[in-house]
C-alpha atoms as a PDB file:
ATOM      1  CA  MET A   1     -85.264  64.150   2.862  1.00  0.00           C
ATOM      2  CA  PRO A   2     -85.839  67.508   4.588  1.00  0.00           C
ATOM      3  CA  ARG A   3     -89.361  68.122   5.838  1.00  0.00           C
ATOM      4  CA  TYR A   4     -90.269  70.794   3.258  1.00  0.00           C
ATOM      5  CA  ARG A   5     -89.069  68.563   0.395  1.00  0.00           C
ATOM      6  CA  LEU A   6     -91.170  65.717   1.764  1.00  0.00           C
ATOM      7  CA  ALA A   7     -94.218  68.027   1.884  1.00  0.00           C
ATOM      8  CA  GLN A   8     -93.567  69.164  -1.702  1.00  0.00           C
ATOM      9  CA  TRP A   9     -93.227  65.561  -2.843  1.00  0.00           C
ATOM     10  CA  LEU A  10     -96.475  64.663  -1.072  1.00  0.00           C
ATOM     11  CA  GLY A  11     -98.342  67.590  -2.650  1.00  0.00           C
ATOM     12  CA  ARG A  12     -97.058  66.789  -6.131  1.00  0.00           C
ATOM     13  CA  SER A  13     -97.895  63.110  -5.665  1.00  0.00           C
ATOM     14  CA  VAL A  14    -101.489  63.854  -4.611  1.00  0.00           C
ATOM     15  CA  LEU A  15    -101.974  66.139  -7.614  1.00  0.00           C
ATOM     16  CA  ARG A  16    -100.448  63.581  -9.987  1.00  0.00           C
ATOM     17  CA  LEU A  17    -102.547  60.721  -8.601  1.00  0.00           C
ATOM     18  CA  GLY A  18    -105.664  62.871  -8.990  1.00  0.00           C
ATOM     19  CA  GLY A  19    -104.720  63.725 -12.572  1.00  0.00           C
ATOM     20  CA  TRP A  20    -104.173  67.400 -11.722  1.00  0.00           C
ATOM     21  CA  ARG A  21    -101.429  69.732 -12.871  1.00  0.00           C
ATOM     22  CA  MET A  22    -100.442  73.285 -12.070  1.00  0.00           C
ATOM     23  CA  GLN A  23     -99.974  76.197 -14.415  1.00  0.00           C
ATOM     24  CA  GLY A  24     -98.363  79.543 -13.669  1.00  0.00           C
ATOM     25  CA  ALA A  25     -96.158  80.687 -10.830  1.00  0.00           C
ATOM     26  CA  LEU A  26     -96.642  82.711  -7.696  1.00  0.00           C
ATOM     27  CA  PRO A  27     -95.262  86.237  -7.820  1.00  0.00           C
ATOM     28  CA  ASP A  28     -92.270  86.908  -5.597  1.00  0.00           C
ATOM     29  CA  ILE A  29     -93.909  89.270  -3.109  1.00  0.00           C
ATOM     30  CA  ALA A  30     -93.886  89.219   0.688  1.00  0.00           C
ATOM     31  CA  LYS A  31     -97.564  89.978   1.354  1.00  0.00           C
ATOM     32  CA  ALA A  32    -100.728  89.315  -0.607  1.00  0.00           C
ATOM     33  CA  VAL A  33    -104.299  88.137  -0.419  1.00  0.00           C
ATOM     34  CA  LEU A  34    -104.705  85.027  -2.573  1.00  0.00           C
ATOM     35  CA  ILE A  35    -108.234  84.288  -3.768  1.00  0.00           C
ATOM     36  CA  ALA A  36    -109.222  80.873  -5.098  1.00  0.00           C
ATOM     37  CA  ALA A  37    -112.347  80.359  -7.199  1.00  0.00           C
ATOM     38  CA  PRO A  38    -114.655  78.969  -8.334  1.00  0.00           C
ATOM     39  CA  HIS A  39    -115.215  77.286  -4.976  1.00  0.00           C
ATOM     40  CA  SER A  40    -117.809  74.640  -5.763  1.00  0.00           C
ATOM     41  CA  SER A  41    -116.783  71.447  -3.982  1.00  0.00           C
ATOM     42  CA  ASN A  42    -115.141  70.073  -0.853  1.00  0.00           C
ATOM     43  CA  TRP A  43    -112.565  68.627  -3.256  1.00  0.00           C
ATOM     44  CA  ASP A  44    -111.269  72.178  -3.774  1.00  0.00           C
ATOM     45  CA  GLY A  45    -109.698  71.917  -0.332  1.00  0.00           C
ATOM     46  CA  VAL A  46    -107.930  68.653  -1.175  1.00  0.00           C
ATOM     47  CA  TRP A  47    -106.476  69.985  -4.436  1.00  0.00           C
ATOM     48  CA  GLY A  48    -105.742  73.384  -2.884  1.00  0.00           C
ATOM     49  CA  ILE A  49    -103.800  71.893   0.031  1.00  0.00           C
ATOM     50  CA  ALA A  50    -101.916  69.595  -2.350  1.00  0.00           C
ATOM     51  CA  ALA A  51    -101.005  72.604  -4.522  1.00  0.00           C
ATOM     52  CA  LYS A  52     -99.925  74.577  -1.443  1.00  0.00           C
ATOM     53  CA  LEU A  53     -97.640  71.718  -0.383  1.00  0.00           C
ATOM     54  CA  ALA A  54     -96.317  71.212  -3.926  1.00  0.00           C
ATOM     55  CA  MET A  55     -95.357  74.879  -4.199  1.00  0.00           C
ATOM     56  CA  GLY A  56     -93.821  74.914  -0.726  1.00  0.00           C
ATOM     57  CA  ILE A  57     -95.698  78.025   0.396  1.00  0.00           C
ATOM     58  CA  ARG A  58     -97.309  78.965   3.666  1.00  0.00           C
ATOM     59  CA  LEU A  59    -100.808  80.402   3.408  1.00  0.00           C
ATOM     60  CA  SER A  60    -102.794  81.787   6.311  1.00  0.00           C
ATOM     61  CA  ILE A  61    -106.537  81.654   6.728  1.00  0.00           C
ATOM     62  CA  LEU A  62    -108.783  83.291   9.298  1.00  0.00           C
ATOM     63  CA  GLY A  63    -110.473  81.107  11.917  1.00  0.00           C
ATOM     64  CA  LYS A  64    -112.879  81.627  14.789  1.00  0.00           C
ATOM     65  CA  HIS A  65    -110.955  82.465  17.947  1.00  0.00           C
ATOM     66  CA  SER A  66    -113.084  80.007  19.943  1.00  0.00           C
ATOM     67  CA  LEU A  67    -111.534  77.091  18.029  1.00  0.00           C
ATOM     68  CA  PHE A  68    -108.181  77.949  19.581  1.00  0.00           C
ATOM     69  CA  LYS A  69    -109.569  77.247  23.086  1.00  0.00           C
ATOM     70  CA  ILE A  70    -110.119  73.542  22.311  1.00  0.00           C
ATOM     71  CA  PRO A  71    -107.285  71.477  23.842  1.00  0.00           C
ATOM     72  CA  LEU A  72    -104.519  70.741  21.306  1.00  0.00           C
ATOM     73  CA  MET A  73    -106.487  72.535  18.582  1.00  0.00           C
ATOM     74  CA  GLY A  74    -104.806  75.936  19.060  1.00  0.00           C
ATOM     75  CA  PRO A  75    -101.245  74.754  18.393  1.00  0.00           C
ATOM     76  CA  LEU A  76    -102.409  72.636  15.437  1.00  0.00           C
ATOM     77  CA  LEU A  77    -104.323  75.544  13.900  1.00  0.00           C
ATOM     78  CA  ARG A  78    -101.397  77.936  14.362  1.00  0.00           C
ATOM     79  CA  TRP A  79     -99.049  75.361  12.798  1.00  0.00           C
ATOM     80  CA  GLN A  80    -101.377  75.258   9.787  1.00  0.00           C
ATOM     81  CA  GLY A  81    -101.318  79.055   9.460  1.00  0.00           C
ATOM     82  CA  VAL A  82    -104.774  79.768  10.872  1.00  0.00           C
ATOM     83  CA  ILE A  83    -105.006  83.222  12.447  1.00  0.00           C
ATOM     84  CA  PRO A  84    -107.644  83.643  15.177  1.00  0.00           C
ATOM     85  CA  VAL A  85    -110.266  86.368  14.764  1.00  0.00           C
ATOM     86  CA  ASN A  86    -113.072  87.322  17.107  1.00  0.00           C
ATOM     87  CA  ARG A  87    -116.193  88.061  15.057  1.00  0.00           C
ATOM     88  CA  SER A  88    -117.856  89.857  17.962  1.00  0.00           C
ATOM     89  CA  ALA A  89    -114.899  92.140  18.760  1.00  0.00           C
ATOM     90  CA  PRO A  90    -115.421  95.913  18.472  1.00  0.00           C
ATOM     91  CA  GLN A  91    -112.829  95.992  15.721  1.00  0.00           C
ATOM     92  CA  GLY A  92    -114.225  93.835  12.915  1.00  0.00           C
ATOM     93  CA  VAL A  93    -112.769  90.820  11.164  1.00  0.00           C
ATOM     94  CA  VAL A  94    -111.281  92.971   8.411  1.00  0.00           C
ATOM     95  CA  GLU A  95    -109.518  95.210  10.934  1.00  0.00           C
ATOM     96  CA  GLN A  96    -108.160  92.194  12.830  1.00  0.00           C
ATOM     97  CA  ALA A  97    -106.931  90.617   9.582  1.00  0.00           C
ATOM     98  CA  VAL A  98    -105.240  93.827   8.474  1.00  0.00           C
ATOM     99  CA  ALA A  99    -103.557  94.200  11.890  1.00  0.00           C
ATOM    100  CA  ALA A 100    -102.257  90.614  11.698  1.00  0.00           C
ATOM    101  CA  MET A 101    -100.985  91.267   8.175  1.00  0.00           C
ATOM    102  CA  GLN A 102     -99.246  94.503   9.181  1.00  0.00           C
ATOM    103  CA  ALA A 103     -97.589  92.784  12.156  1.00  0.00           C
ATOM    104  CA  ARG A 104     -95.727  90.301   9.931  1.00  0.00           C
ATOM    105  CA  ASP A 105     -92.909  90.694   7.427  1.00  0.00           C
ATOM    106  CA  GLN A 106     -94.302  87.944   5.204  1.00  0.00           C
ATOM    107  CA  ILE A 107     -97.894  86.728   5.028  1.00  0.00           C
ATOM    108  CA  TRP A 108    -100.332  85.552   2.402  1.00  0.00           C
ATOM    109  CA  TYR A 109    -104.007  85.143   3.246  1.00  0.00           C
ATOM    110  CA  ALA A 110    -105.950  82.566   1.253  1.00  0.00           C
ATOM    111  CA  ILE A 111    -109.675  83.280   0.844  1.00  0.00           C
ATOM    112  CA  ALA A 112    -112.520  81.855  -1.244  1.00  0.00           C
ATOM    113  CA  PRO A 113    -114.261  85.060  -2.365  1.00  0.00           C
ATOM    114  CA  GLU A 114    -117.622  83.351  -2.792  1.00  0.00           C
ATOM    115  CA  GLY A 115    -117.633  82.454   0.903  1.00  0.00           C
ATOM    116  CA  THR A 116    -119.481  79.188   0.155  1.00  0.00           C
ATOM    117  CA  ARG A 117    -119.479  76.262  -2.244  1.00  0.00           C
ATOM    118  CA  LYS A 118    -122.890  77.259  -3.614  1.00  0.00           C
ATOM    119  CA  PRO A 119    -123.283  79.592  -6.605  1.00  0.00           C
ATOM    120  CA  VAL A 120    -123.573  83.196  -5.419  1.00  0.00           C
ATOM    121  CA  GLN A 121    -124.717  86.363  -7.145  1.00  0.00           C
ATOM    122  CA  ARG A 122    -121.956  88.412  -5.486  1.00  0.00           C
ATOM    123  CA  TRP A 123    -118.599  87.722  -3.976  1.00  0.00           C
ATOM    124  CA  LYS A 124    -118.135  88.695  -0.350  1.00  0.00           C
ATOM    125  CA  PRO A 125    -115.884  91.768  -0.471  1.00  0.00           C
ATOM    126  CA  GLY A 126    -113.919  91.000   2.706  1.00  0.00           C
ATOM    127  CA  PHE A 127    -110.874  89.932   0.682  1.00  0.00           C
ATOM    128  CA  TRP A 128    -110.907  93.293  -1.139  1.00  0.00           C
ATOM    129  CA  HIS A 129    -111.256  95.265   2.107  1.00  0.00           C
ATOM    130  CA  ILE A 130    -108.340  93.358   3.685  1.00  0.00           C
ATOM    131  CA  ALA A 131    -106.042  93.773   0.676  1.00  0.00           C
ATOM    132  CA  HIS A 132    -106.999  97.420   0.137  1.00  0.00           C
ATOM    133  CA  ALA A 133    -106.572  98.425   3.801  1.00  0.00           C
ATOM    134  CA  ALA A 134    -103.272  96.549   4.075  1.00  0.00           C
ATOM    135  CA  GLY A 135    -102.028  97.968   0.763  1.00  0.00           C
ATOM    136  CA  VAL A 136    -101.259  94.551  -0.734  1.00  0.00           C
ATOM    137  CA  PRO A 137    -102.164  93.020  -4.102  1.00  0.00           C
ATOM    138  CA  VAL A 138    -104.685  90.263  -4.771  1.00  0.00           C
ATOM    139  CA  VAL A 139    -103.208  87.128  -6.369  1.00  0.00           C
ATOM    140  CA  VAL A 140    -105.631  84.904  -8.287  1.00  0.00           C
ATOM    141  CA  ALA A 141    -105.794  81.098  -8.396  1.00  0.00           C
ATOM    142  CA  ALA A 142    -108.433  79.113 -10.277  1.00  0.00           C
ATOM    143  CA  PHE A 143    -109.740  75.568 -10.050  1.00  0.00           C
ATOM    144  CA  ASP A 144    -110.249  74.488 -13.667  1.00  0.00           C
ATOM    145  CA  TYR A 145    -112.049  71.158 -13.264  1.00  0.00           C
ATOM    146  CA  PRO A 146    -112.645  70.287 -16.958  1.00  0.00           C
ATOM    147  CA  ASN A 147    -108.875  70.503 -17.559  1.00  0.00           C
ATOM    148  CA  ARG A 148    -107.891  69.293 -14.069  1.00  0.00           C
ATOM    149  CA  CYS A 149    -105.605  72.267 -13.667  1.00  0.00           C
ATOM    150  CA  ILE A 150    -104.918  74.741 -10.885  1.00  0.00           C
ATOM    151  CA  VAL A 151    -104.034  78.006 -12.576  1.00  0.00           C
ATOM    152  CA  ILE A 152    -101.992  80.627 -10.727  1.00  0.00           C
ATOM    153  CA  GLY A 153    -102.490  84.070 -12.190  1.00  0.00           C
ATOM    154  CA  PRO A 154    -100.996  87.508 -11.712  1.00  0.00           C
ATOM    155  CA  ALA A 155    -101.026  89.868  -8.779  1.00  0.00           C
ATOM    156  CA  PHE A 156    -103.732  92.513  -9.242  1.00  0.00           C
ATOM    157  CA  GLU A 157    -103.073  95.925  -7.740  1.00  0.00           C
ATOM    158  CA  LEU A 158    -106.274  97.431  -6.346  1.00  0.00           C
ATOM    159  CA  SER A 159    -107.738 100.851  -6.959  1.00  0.00           C
ATOM    160  CA  ASP A 160    -110.148 102.735  -4.690  1.00  0.00           C
ATOM    161  CA  ASP A 161    -113.078 101.453  -6.798  1.00  0.00           C
ATOM    162  CA  MET A 162    -114.153  98.138  -5.276  1.00  0.00           C
ATOM    163  CA  PRO A 163    -116.911  97.220  -7.787  1.00  0.00           C
ATOM    164  CA  THR A 164    -114.569  97.826 -10.727  1.00  0.00           C
ATOM    165  CA  ASP A 165    -111.755  95.834  -9.093  1.00  0.00           C
ATOM    166  CA  ILE A 166    -114.038  92.887  -8.315  1.00  0.00           C
ATOM    167  CA  ALA A 167    -115.479  92.913 -11.850  1.00  0.00           C
ATOM    168  CA  ARG A 168    -111.909  92.930 -13.244  1.00  0.00           C
ATOM    169  CA  LEU A 169    -110.959  89.952 -11.055  1.00  0.00           C
ATOM    170  CA  GLN A 170    -114.106  88.054 -12.052  1.00  0.00           C
ATOM    171  CA  ARG A 171    -113.337  88.627 -15.738  1.00  0.00           C
ATOM    172  CA  TRP A 172    -110.002  86.884 -15.184  1.00  0.00           C
ATOM    173  CA  TYR A 173    -111.918  83.886 -13.774  1.00  0.00           C
ATOM    174  CA  ALA A 174    -114.458  83.751 -16.641  1.00  0.00           C
ATOM    175  CA  PRO A 175    -112.804  80.874 -18.575  1.00  0.00           C
ATOM    176  CA  PHE A 176    -112.602  78.567 -15.550  1.00  0.00           C
ATOM    177  CA  LYS A 177    -115.230  76.075 -14.456  1.00  0.00           C
ATOM    178  CA  GLY A 178    -115.525  74.598 -10.998  1.00  0.00           C
ATOM    179  CA  ARG A 179    -116.658  71.088 -10.239  1.00  0.00           C
ATOM    180  CA  LYS A 180    -120.286  72.192  -9.937  1.00  0.00           C
ATOM    181  CA  HIS A 181    -120.482  75.792 -11.221  1.00  0.00           C
ATOM    182  CA  ASP A 182    -118.650  78.742 -12.746  1.00  0.00           C
ATOM    183  CA  VAL A 183    -117.793  82.093 -11.196  1.00  0.00           C
ATOM    184  CA  VAL A 184    -120.845  84.357 -11.340  1.00  0.00           C
ATOM    185  CA  GLN A 185    -120.007  87.663 -12.990  1.00  0.00           C
ATOM    186  CA  ALA A 186    -120.273  90.842 -10.962  1.00  0.00           C
ATOM    187  CA  ARG A 187    -123.555  92.702 -10.984  1.00  0.00           C
ATOM    188  CA  GLN A 188    -123.506  96.318 -12.043  1.00  0.00           C
ATOM    189  CA  SER A 189    -124.236  97.431  -8.480  1.00  0.00           C
ATOM    190  CA  GLY A 190    -121.005  95.866  -7.288  1.00  0.00           C
ATOM    191  CA  ASP A 191    -120.593  95.365  -3.598  1.00  0.00           C
ATOM    192  CA  GLY A 192    -122.160  93.115  -1.004  1.00  0.00           C
ATOM    193  CA  GLU A 193    -121.595  92.498   2.662  1.00  0.00           C
ATOM    194  CA  CYS A 194    -118.512  91.011   4.252  1.00  0.00           C
END
């Protein structure tokens, strides 16, 4: 069995054993920022990785550049799609992420917009800044714990109005409940810090 088929089988098996199913399909686009919410448990990572394997897609995440200096860690992280960023560099994390995205023909970043497993009043807008600056859509994926379902939604094209875009994305997430909490709706004031 070819390696990718084995990975898909493994992902599907983990989801099935956990009682999870998937709904929806990923849009056929070369570049996007995929956000997954609500992020309320370490289990999100298990089900998210299983879904990633089951769908046979490669997702990139951003990681501290210092992790890549640990022996054997750099090649492993790169193999897993982790892109190194230097948080203290003159060009910020968003600029580094956009540059990495523009340098590739195909790339999807995966980001938890809450930035933590705890309930938050505002999403961190880094995902919006990356997608907007790179000119790519935001694809939504939800962990629906009561129904044990990972829901893949549409690709949202962004405007120049970040608070309105984030509120629109959060409305899409409104029906979904995480393991420990729901997505908190956007405040009227909109943005926060990256």
